[in-house]
ModelCIF file with pLDDT and N, C-alpha, C, O atoms, coordinates in Angstrom:
data_MODEL
#
_entry.id   MODEL 
#
_entity.id                         1 
_entity.type                       polymer 
_entity.pdbx_number_of_molecules   1 
#
_entity_poly.entity_id                      1 
_entity_poly.type                           'polypeptide(L)' 
_entity_poly.nstd_linkage                   no 
_entity_poly.nstd_monomer                   no 
_entity_poly.pdbx_seq_one_letter_code       WFNTGTLCNIECLNCYIESSPTNDALVYLTRAE 
_entity_poly.pdbx_seq_one_letter_code_can   WFNTGTLCNIECLNCYIESSPTNDALVYLTRAE 
_entity_poly.pdbx_strand_id                 A 
#
loop_
_entity_poly_seq.entity_id 
_entity_poly_seq.num 
_entity_poly_seq.mon_id 
_entity_poly_seq.hetero 
1 1  TRP n 
1 2  PHE n 
1 3  ASN n 
1 4  THR n 
1 5  GLY n 
1 6  THR n 
1 7  LEU n 
1 8  CYS n 
1 9  ASN n 
1 10 ILE n 
1 11 GLU n 
1 12 CYS n 
1 13 LEU n 
1 14 ASN n 
1 15 CYS n 
1 16 TYR n 
1 17 ILE n 
1 18 GLU n 
1 19 SER n 
1 20 SER n 
1 21 PRO n 
1 22 THR n 
1 23 ASN n 
1 24 ASP n 
1 25 ALA n 
1 26 LEU n 
1 27 VAL n 
1 28 TYR n 
1 29 LEU n 
1 30 THR n 
1 31 ARG n 
1 32 ALA n 
1 33 GLU n 
#
_struct_asym.id          A 
_struct_asym.entity_id   1 
#
loop_
_ma_qa_metric.id 
_ma_qa_metric.mode 
_ma_qa_metric.name 
_ma_qa_metric.software_group_id 
_ma_qa_metric.type 
1 global pLDDT . pLDDT 
2 local  pLDDT . pLDDT 
#
_ma_qa_metric_global.metric_id      1 
_ma_qa_metric_global.metric_value   92.48 
_ma_qa_metric_global.model_id       1 
_ma_qa_metric_global.ordinal_id     1 
#
loop_
_ma_qa_metric_local.label_asym_id 
_ma_qa_metric_local.label_comp_id 
_ma_qa_metric_local.label_seq_id 
_ma_qa_metric_local.metric_id 
_ma_qa_metric_local.metric_value 
_ma_qa_metric_local.model_id 
_ma_qa_metric_local.ordinal_id 
A TRP 1  2 98.00 1 1  
A PHE 2  2 98.00 1 2  
A ASN 3  2 97.00 1 3  
A THR 4  2 98.00 1 4  
A GLY 5  2 97.00 1 5  
A THR 6  2 96.00 1 6  
A LEU 7  2 95.00 1 7  
A CYS 8  2 95.00 1 8  
A ASN 9  2 91.00 1 9  
A ILE 10 2 87.00 1 10 
A GLU 11 2 89.00 1 11 
A CYS 12 2 85.00 1 12 
A LEU 13 2 80.00 1 13 
A ASN 14 2 78.00 1 14 
A CYS 15 2 82.00 1 15 
A TYR 16 2 78.00 1 16 
A ILE 17 2 85.00 1 17 
A GLU 18 2 87.00 1 18 
A SER 19 2 92.00 1 19 
A SER 20 2 92.00 1 20 
A PRO 21 2 94.00 1 21 
A THR 22 2 94.00 1 22 
A ASN 23 2 93.00 1 23 
A ASP 24 2 95.00 1 24 
A ALA 25 2 95.00 1 25 
A LEU 26 2 96.00 1 26 
A VAL 27 2 97.00 1 27 
A TYR 28 2 98.00 1 28 
A LEU 29 2 98.00 1 29 
A THR 30 2 98.00 1 30 
A ARG 31 2 98.00 1 31 
A ALA 32 2 98.00 1 32 
A GLU 33 2 98.00 1 33 
#
loop_
_atom_site.group_PDB 
_atom_site.id 
_atom_site.type_symbol 
_atom_site.label_atom_id 
_atom_site.label_alt_id 
_atom_site.label_comp_id 
_atom_site.label_asym_id 
_atom_site.label_entity_id 
_atom_site.label_seq_id 
_atom_site.pdbx_PDB_ins_code 
_atom_site.Cartn_x 
_atom_site.Cartn_y 
_atom_site.Cartn_z 
_atom_site.occupancy 
_atom_site.B_iso_or_equiv 
_atom_site.pdbx_formal_charge 
_atom_site.auth_seq_id 
_atom_site.auth_comp_id 
_atom_site.auth_asym_id 
_atom_site.auth_atom_id 
_atom_site.pdbx_PDB_model_num 
ATOM 1   N N  . TRP A 1 1  ? 0.604   -1.152 0.301  1.00 98.00 ? 1  TRP A N  1 
ATOM 2   C CA . TRP A 1 1  ? 0.052   0.240  -0.267 1.00 98.00 ? 1  TRP A CA 1 
ATOM 3   C C  . TRP A 1 1  ? 1.066   1.250  -0.028 1.00 98.00 ? 1  TRP A C  1 
ATOM 4   O O  . TRP A 1 1  ? 2.083   1.341  0.659  1.00 98.00 ? 1  TRP A O  1 
ATOM 5   N N  . PHE A 1 2  ? 0.311   2.099  -0.984 1.00 98.00 ? 2  PHE A N  1 
ATOM 6   C CA . PHE A 1 2  ? -0.054  3.888  -0.577 1.00 98.00 ? 2  PHE A CA 1 
ATOM 7   C C  . PHE A 1 2  ? -0.380  4.244  0.010  1.00 98.00 ? 2  PHE A C  1 
ATOM 8   O O  . PHE A 1 2  ? -1.599  4.083  0.066  1.00 98.00 ? 2  PHE A O  1 
ATOM 9   N N  . ASN A 1 3  ? 0.405   5.327  1.381  1.00 97.00 ? 3  ASN A N  1 
ATOM 10  C CA . ASN A 1 3  ? -0.326  6.407  1.210  1.00 97.00 ? 3  ASN A CA 1 
ATOM 11  C C  . ASN A 1 3  ? -0.579  7.417  0.917  1.00 97.00 ? 3  ASN A C  1 
ATOM 12  O O  . ASN A 1 3  ? 0.355   8.076  1.374  1.00 97.00 ? 3  ASN A O  1 
ATOM 13  N N  . THR A 1 4  ? -1.685  8.526  0.104  1.00 98.00 ? 4  THR A N  1 
ATOM 14  C CA . THR A 1 4  ? -0.871  9.297  -1.175 1.00 98.00 ? 4  THR A CA 1 
ATOM 15  C C  . THR A 1 4  ? -1.136  10.279 0.020  1.00 98.00 ? 4  THR A C  1 
ATOM 16  O O  . THR A 1 4  ? -0.749  11.291 -0.564 1.00 98.00 ? 4  THR A O  1 
ATOM 17  N N  . GLY A 1 5  ? -1.308  10.488 0.593  1.00 97.00 ? 5  GLY A N  1 
ATOM 18  C CA . GLY A 1 5  ? -0.910  11.456 2.020  1.00 97.00 ? 5  GLY A CA 1 
ATOM 19  C C  . GLY A 1 5  ? -2.239  11.837 2.415  1.00 97.00 ? 5  GLY A C  1 
ATOM 20  O O  . GLY A 1 5  ? -3.054  11.250 1.702  1.00 97.00 ? 5  GLY A O  1 
ATOM 21  N N  . THR A 1 6  ? -3.027  12.918 3.642  1.00 96.00 ? 6  THR A N  1 
ATOM 22  C CA . THR A 1 6  ? -4.046  12.203 4.368  1.00 96.00 ? 6  THR A CA 1 
ATOM 23  C C  . THR A 1 6  ? -4.705  13.484 4.004  1.00 96.00 ? 6  THR A C  1 
ATOM 24  O O  . THR A 1 6  ? -5.400  13.833 4.957  1.00 96.00 ? 6  THR A O  1 
ATOM 25  N N  . LEU A 1 7  ? -4.776  14.336 3.012  1.00 95.00 ? 7  LEU A N  1 
ATOM 26  C CA . LEU A 1 7  ? -5.019  15.217 2.251  1.00 95.00 ? 7  LEU A CA 1 
ATOM 27  C C  . LEU A 1 7  ? -6.642  15.009 1.696  1.00 95.00 ? 7  LEU A C  1 
ATOM 28  O O  . LEU A 1 7  ? -6.519  14.304 0.694  1.00 95.00 ? 7  LEU A O  1 
ATOM 29  N N  . CYS A 1 8  ? -7.827  15.252 1.862  1.00 95.00 ? 8  CYS A N  1 
ATOM 30  C CA . CYS A 1 8  ? -8.762  15.195 1.074  1.00 95.00 ? 8  CYS A CA 1 
ATOM 31  C C  . CYS A 1 8  ? -9.290  16.599 0.579  1.00 95.00 ? 8  CYS A C  1 
ATOM 32  O O  . CYS A 1 8  ? -8.647  17.647 0.632  1.00 95.00 ? 8  CYS A O  1 
ATOM 33  N N  . ASN A 1 9  ? -10.740 16.421 0.023  1.00 91.00 ? 9  ASN A N  1 
ATOM 34  C CA . ASN A 1 9  ? -11.484 16.817 -0.457 1.00 91.00 ? 9  ASN A CA 1 
ATOM 35  C C  . ASN A 1 9  ? -13.250 17.396 -0.128 1.00 91.00 ? 9  ASN A C  1 
ATOM 36  O O  . ASN A 1 9  ? -14.067 18.054 -0.772 1.00 91.00 ? 9  ASN A O  1 
ATOM 37  N N  . ILE A 1 10 ? -13.227 16.381 1.931  1.00 87.00 ? 10 ILE A N  1 
ATOM 38  C CA . ILE A 1 10 ? -13.811 15.780 2.526  1.00 87.00 ? 10 ILE A CA 1 
ATOM 39  C C  . ILE A 1 10 ? -13.548 15.362 3.799  1.00 87.00 ? 10 ILE A C  1 
ATOM 40  O O  . ILE A 1 10 ? -12.696 14.500 4.012  1.00 87.00 ? 10 ILE A O  1 
ATOM 41  N N  . GLU A 1 11 ? -14.560 16.181 5.187  1.00 89.00 ? 11 GLU A N  1 
ATOM 42  C CA . GLU A 1 11 ? -13.625 15.491 6.128  1.00 89.00 ? 11 GLU A CA 1 
ATOM 43  C C  . GLU A 1 11 ? -15.143 14.996 6.093  1.00 89.00 ? 11 GLU A C  1 
ATOM 44  O O  . GLU A 1 11 ? -16.137 15.643 5.764  1.00 89.00 ? 11 GLU A O  1 
ATOM 45  N N  . CYS A 1 12 ? -15.047 13.634 6.533  1.00 85.00 ? 12 CYS A N  1 
ATOM 46  C CA . CYS A 1 12 ? -16.650 12.207 7.523  1.00 85.00 ? 12 CYS A CA 1 
ATOM 47  C C  . CYS A 1 12 ? -16.150 12.546 8.677  1.00 85.00 ? 12 CYS A C  1 
ATOM 48  O O  . CYS A 1 12 ? -15.170 13.112 9.162  1.00 85.00 ? 12 CYS A O  1 
ATOM 49  N N  . LEU A 1 13 ? -17.250 11.957 9.008  1.00 80.00 ? 13 LEU A N  1 
ATOM 50  C CA . LEU A 1 13 ? -17.705 12.211 10.707 1.00 80.00 ? 13 LEU A CA 1 
ATOM 51  C C  . LEU A 1 13 ? -17.146 11.047 11.022 1.00 80.00 ? 13 LEU A C  1 
ATOM 52  O O  . LEU A 1 13 ? -16.084 11.576 10.692 1.00 80.00 ? 13 LEU A O  1 
ATOM 53  N N  . ASN A 1 14 ? -16.960 10.418 11.208 1.00 78.00 ? 14 ASN A N  1 
ATOM 54  C CA . ASN A 1 14 ? -15.836 8.711  11.847 1.00 78.00 ? 14 ASN A CA 1 
ATOM 55  C C  . ASN A 1 14 ? -14.290 8.513  10.836 1.00 78.00 ? 14 ASN A C  1 
ATOM 56  O O  . ASN A 1 14 ? -13.710 7.428  10.874 1.00 78.00 ? 14 ASN A O  1 
ATOM 57  N N  . CYS A 1 15 ? -13.843 9.447  10.135 1.00 82.00 ? 15 CYS A N  1 
ATOM 58  C CA . CYS A 1 15 ? -12.871 8.942  9.077  1.00 82.00 ? 15 CYS A CA 1 
ATOM 59  C C  . CYS A 1 15 ? -11.084 8.157  10.507 1.00 82.00 ? 15 CYS A C  1 
ATOM 60  O O  . CYS A 1 15 ? -10.352 8.591  11.397 1.00 82.00 ? 15 CYS A O  1 
ATOM 61  N N  . TYR A 1 16 ? -11.273 7.220  9.945  1.00 78.00 ? 16 TYR A N  1 
ATOM 62  C CA . TYR A 1 16 ? -10.249 6.485  11.382 1.00 78.00 ? 16 TYR A CA 1 
ATOM 63  C C  . TYR A 1 16 ? -8.160  7.105  11.039 1.00 78.00 ? 16 TYR A C  1 
ATOM 64  O O  . TYR A 1 16 ? -7.168  7.049  11.767 1.00 78.00 ? 16 TYR A O  1 
ATOM 65  N N  . ILE A 1 17 ? -8.416  7.711  9.347  1.00 85.00 ? 17 ILE A N  1 
ATOM 66  C CA . ILE A 1 17 ? -7.369  8.395  9.870  1.00 85.00 ? 17 ILE A CA 1 
ATOM 67  C C  . ILE A 1 17 ? -7.508  10.286 9.372  1.00 85.00 ? 17 ILE A C  1 
ATOM 68  O O  . ILE A 1 17 ? -6.721  11.087 8.868  1.00 85.00 ? 17 ILE A O  1 
ATOM 69  N N  . GLU A 1 18 ? -8.948  10.355 9.852  1.00 87.00 ? 18 GLU A N  1 
ATOM 70  C CA . GLU A 1 18 ? -9.335  11.906 9.768  1.00 87.00 ? 18 GLU A CA 1 
ATOM 71  C C  . GLU A 1 18 ? -8.102  12.997 8.982  1.00 87.00 ? 18 GLU A C  1 
ATOM 72  O O  . GLU A 1 18 ? -7.220  13.852 9.063  1.00 87.00 ? 18 GLU A O  1 
ATOM 73  N N  . SER A 1 19 ? -8.683  12.379 8.449  1.00 92.00 ? 19 SER A N  1 
ATOM 74  C CA . SER A 1 19 ? -8.206  12.228 7.115  1.00 92.00 ? 19 SER A CA 1 
ATOM 75  C C  . SER A 1 19 ? -9.500  14.352 6.649  1.00 92.00 ? 19 SER A C  1 
ATOM 76  O O  . SER A 1 19 ? -10.720 14.259 6.777  1.00 92.00 ? 19 SER A O  1 
ATOM 77  N N  . SER A 1 20 ? -9.126  15.230 6.381  1.00 92.00 ? 20 SER A N  1 
ATOM 78  C CA . SER A 1 20 ? -8.870  16.675 6.001  1.00 92.00 ? 20 SER A CA 1 
ATOM 79  C C  . SER A 1 20 ? -9.174  17.155 5.174  1.00 92.00 ? 20 SER A C  1 
ATOM 80  O O  . SER A 1 20 ? -9.025  16.380 4.230  1.00 92.00 ? 20 SER A O  1 
ATOM 81  N N  . PRO A 1 21 ? -9.773  18.560 4.683  1.00 94.00 ? 21 PRO A N  1 
ATOM 82  C CA . PRO A 1 21 ? -8.238  19.127 3.435  1.00 94.00 ? 21 PRO A CA 1 
ATOM 83  C C  . PRO A 1 21 ? -7.823  20.112 4.283  1.00 94.00 ? 21 PRO A C  1 
ATOM 84  O O  . PRO A 1 21 ? -8.010  21.247 3.843  1.00 94.00 ? 21 PRO A O  1 
ATOM 85  N N  . THR A 1 22 ? -7.286  20.031 5.432  1.00 94.00 ? 22 THR A N  1 
ATOM 86  C CA . THR A 1 22 ? -6.053  20.361 6.307  1.00 94.00 ? 22 THR A CA 1 
ATOM 87  C C  . THR A 1 22 ? -5.140  19.717 7.017  1.00 94.00 ? 22 THR A C  1 
ATOM 88  O O  . THR A 1 22 ? -4.078  20.153 7.462  1.00 94.00 ? 22 THR A O  1 
ATOM 89  N N  . ASN A 1 23 ? -5.555  18.767 7.094  1.00 93.00 ? 23 ASN A N  1 
ATOM 90  C CA . ASN A 1 23 ? -4.506  17.774 7.377  1.00 93.00 ? 23 ASN A CA 1 
ATOM 91  C C  . ASN A 1 23 ? -3.751  17.147 6.472  1.00 93.00 ? 23 ASN A C  1 
ATOM 92  O O  . ASN A 1 23 ? -3.967  16.170 5.754  1.00 93.00 ? 23 ASN A O  1 
ATOM 93  N N  . ASP A 1 24 ? -2.786  17.890 6.622  1.00 95.00 ? 24 ASP A N  1 
ATOM 94  C CA . ASP A 1 24 ? -0.688  17.414 6.421  1.00 95.00 ? 24 ASP A CA 1 
ATOM 95  C C  . ASP A 1 24 ? -0.545  16.599 6.608  1.00 95.00 ? 24 ASP A C  1 
ATOM 96  O O  . ASP A 1 24 ? 0.176   16.179 5.704  1.00 95.00 ? 24 ASP A O  1 
ATOM 97  N N  . ALA A 1 25 ? -0.800  15.598 7.503  1.00 95.00 ? 25 ALA A N  1 
ATOM 98  C CA . ALA A 1 25 ? 0.467   15.002 9.081  1.00 95.00 ? 25 ALA A CA 1 
ATOM 99  C C  . ALA A 1 25 ? 1.133   13.754 8.216  1.00 95.00 ? 25 ALA A C  1 
ATOM 100 O O  . ALA A 1 25 ? 2.332   13.922 7.995  1.00 95.00 ? 25 ALA A O  1 
ATOM 101 N N  . LEU A 1 26 ? 0.592   12.593 7.717  1.00 96.00 ? 26 LEU A N  1 
ATOM 102 C CA . LEU A 1 26 ? 0.979   12.619 6.855  1.00 96.00 ? 26 LEU A CA 1 
ATOM 103 C C  . LEU A 1 26 ? 1.362   13.009 4.817  1.00 96.00 ? 26 LEU A C  1 
ATOM 104 O O  . LEU A 1 26 ? 0.332   12.996 4.143  1.00 96.00 ? 26 LEU A O  1 
ATOM 105 N N  . VAL A 1 27 ? 2.581   13.283 4.080  1.00 97.00 ? 27 VAL A N  1 
ATOM 106 C CA . VAL A 1 27 ? 2.333   14.208 3.505  1.00 97.00 ? 27 VAL A CA 1 
ATOM 107 C C  . VAL A 1 27 ? 2.524   13.654 1.731  1.00 97.00 ? 27 VAL A C  1 
ATOM 108 O O  . VAL A 1 27 ? 2.702   12.437 1.672  1.00 97.00 ? 27 VAL A O  1 
ATOM 109 N N  . TYR A 1 28 ? 2.512   14.303 0.469  1.00 98.00 ? 28 TYR A N  1 
ATOM 110 C CA . TYR A 1 28 ? 2.473   13.851 -0.810 1.00 98.00 ? 28 TYR A CA 1 
ATOM 111 C C  . TYR A 1 28 ? 3.605   13.077 -1.066 1.00 98.00 ? 28 TYR A C  1 
ATOM 112 O O  . TYR A 1 28 ? 4.734   13.534 -1.240 1.00 98.00 ? 28 TYR A O  1 
ATOM 113 N N  . LEU A 1 29 ? 3.222   11.645 -1.090 1.00 98.00 ? 29 LEU A N  1 
ATOM 114 C CA . LEU A 1 29 ? 3.836   10.499 -1.756 1.00 98.00 ? 29 LEU A CA 1 
ATOM 115 C C  . LEU A 1 29 ? 4.645   11.524 -3.381 1.00 98.00 ? 29 LEU A C  1 
ATOM 116 O O  . LEU A 1 29 ? 4.248   12.514 -3.996 1.00 98.00 ? 29 LEU A O  1 
ATOM 117 N N  . THR A 1 30 ? 5.502   10.901 -3.487 1.00 98.00 ? 30 THR A N  1 
ATOM 118 C CA . THR A 1 30 ? 6.126   11.511 -4.774 1.00 98.00 ? 30 THR A CA 1 
ATOM 119 C C  . THR A 1 30 ? 5.725   10.676 -5.667 1.00 98.00 ? 30 THR A C  1 
ATOM 120 O O  . THR A 1 30 ? 4.943   9.790  -5.322 1.00 98.00 ? 30 THR A O  1 
ATOM 121 N N  . ARG A 1 31 ? 6.291   10.792 -7.394 1.00 98.00 ? 31 ARG A N  1 
ATOM 122 C CA . ARG A 1 31 ? 6.376   9.269  -8.096 1.00 98.00 ? 31 ARG A CA 1 
ATOM 123 C C  . ARG A 1 31 ? 7.569   9.020  -8.263 1.00 98.00 ? 31 ARG A C  1 
ATOM 124 O O  . ARG A 1 31 ? 7.694   7.881  -8.711 1.00 98.00 ? 31 ARG A O  1 
ATOM 125 N N  . ALA A 1 32 ? 9.074   9.832  -8.041 1.00 98.00 ? 32 ALA A N  1 
ATOM 126 C CA . ALA A 1 32 ? 10.245  8.938  -7.198 1.00 98.00 ? 32 ALA A CA 1 
ATOM 127 C C  . ALA A 1 32 ? 10.036  8.413  -6.115 1.00 98.00 ? 32 ALA A C  1 
ATOM 128 O O  . ALA A 1 32 ? 10.002  7.184  -6.163 1.00 98.00 ? 32 ALA A O  1 
ATOM 129 N N  . GLU A 1 33 ? 9.871   8.894  -5.082 1.00 98.00 ? 33 GLU A N  1 
ATOM 130 C CA . GLU A 1 33 ? 9.571   7.712  -3.887 1.00 98.00 ? 33 GLU A CA 1 
ATOM 131 C C  . GLU A 1 33 ? 8.709   6.440  -4.112 1.00 98.00 ? 33 GLU A C  1 
ATOM 132 O O  . GLU A 1 33 ? 8.543   5.637  -3.195 1.00 98.00 ? 33 GLU A O  1 
#
């Protein structure tokens, strides 16, 4: 699995990873990485 980053266009009520339009705790993975 590759987590591409925690940013999301929406914020779900019960997201286990707490993704949202502002949560970048996991940053974008790049193609080279």
